[in-house]
Protein backbone atom coordinates (compact mmCIF):
# COMPACT_ATOMS: atom_id res chain seq x y z
CA MET A 1 100.16 72.05 30.28
CA ASP A 2 98.29 68.91 31.22
CA GLU A 3 99.85 65.83 29.61
CA VAL A 4 98.54 62.33 29.05
CA ARG A 5 100.82 59.43 28.22
CA MET A 6 99.55 57.05 25.53
CA SER A 7 100.93 54.37 23.26
CA VAL A 8 100.26 54.51 19.54
CA ARG A 9 100.95 51.92 16.84
CA LEU A 10 102.25 53.53 13.66
CA PRO A 11 103.19 52.11 10.27
CA ARG A 12 106.93 51.90 9.65
CA ASP A 13 106.85 54.57 6.93
CA VAL A 14 105.25 57.05 9.34
CA VAL A 15 107.88 56.31 12.00
CA ASP A 16 110.63 56.78 9.41
CA PHE A 17 109.10 60.08 8.30
CA LEU A 18 108.83 61.32 11.89
CA GLY A 19 112.46 60.41 12.44
CA ARG A 20 113.59 62.32 9.35
CA MET A 21 111.53 65.39 10.26
CA ALA A 22 112.77 65.33 13.85
CA LYS A 23 116.37 65.20 12.67
CA GLU A 24 115.84 68.05 10.17
CA ASN A 25 114.10 70.20 12.79
CA PHE A 26 116.47 69.30 15.66
CA THR A 27 113.55 68.04 17.73
CA SER A 28 112.03 64.75 18.89
CA ARG A 29 109.62 62.40 17.13
CA ASN A 30 107.12 63.20 19.88
CA ALA A 31 107.38 66.92 19.08
CA GLU A 32 106.79 66.13 15.40
CA VAL A 33 103.65 64.15 16.24
CA ILE A 34 102.36 67.07 18.33
CA ARG A 35 103.16 69.56 15.55
CA SER A 36 101.34 67.43 12.98
CA VAL A 37 98.26 66.96 15.14
CA ARG A 38 98.12 70.66 16.02
CA GLU A 39 98.34 71.59 12.32
CA ARG A 40 95.41 69.27 11.62
CA MET A 41 93.48 70.74 14.56
CA LYS A 42 93.91 74.23 13.11
CA ARG A 43 92.69 73.12 9.67
CA VAL A 44 89.63 71.39 11.12
CA GLN A 45 88.79 74.35 13.36
CA SER A 46 89.09 76.76 10.45
CA GLY A 47 86.93 74.57 8.22
CA ALA A 48 89.73 74.21 5.69
CA ASP A 49 90.12 70.48 6.33
CA GLU A 50 86.57 69.61 5.28
CA ALA A 51 86.92 71.63 2.09
CA ALA A 52 90.02 69.65 1.13
CA GLU A 53 88.28 66.29 1.41
């Protein structure tokens, strides 16, 4: 897998949420960000995301 390192500024509530989810899922905040983005990618690719907006 090709990886790119990047910095992202996030609101405190998002960071707190990622921390809680990472702890619940025994994973890292980075893994939670990737999971969230991939879920969104799937919705957009399936067309479901546009229908929800």
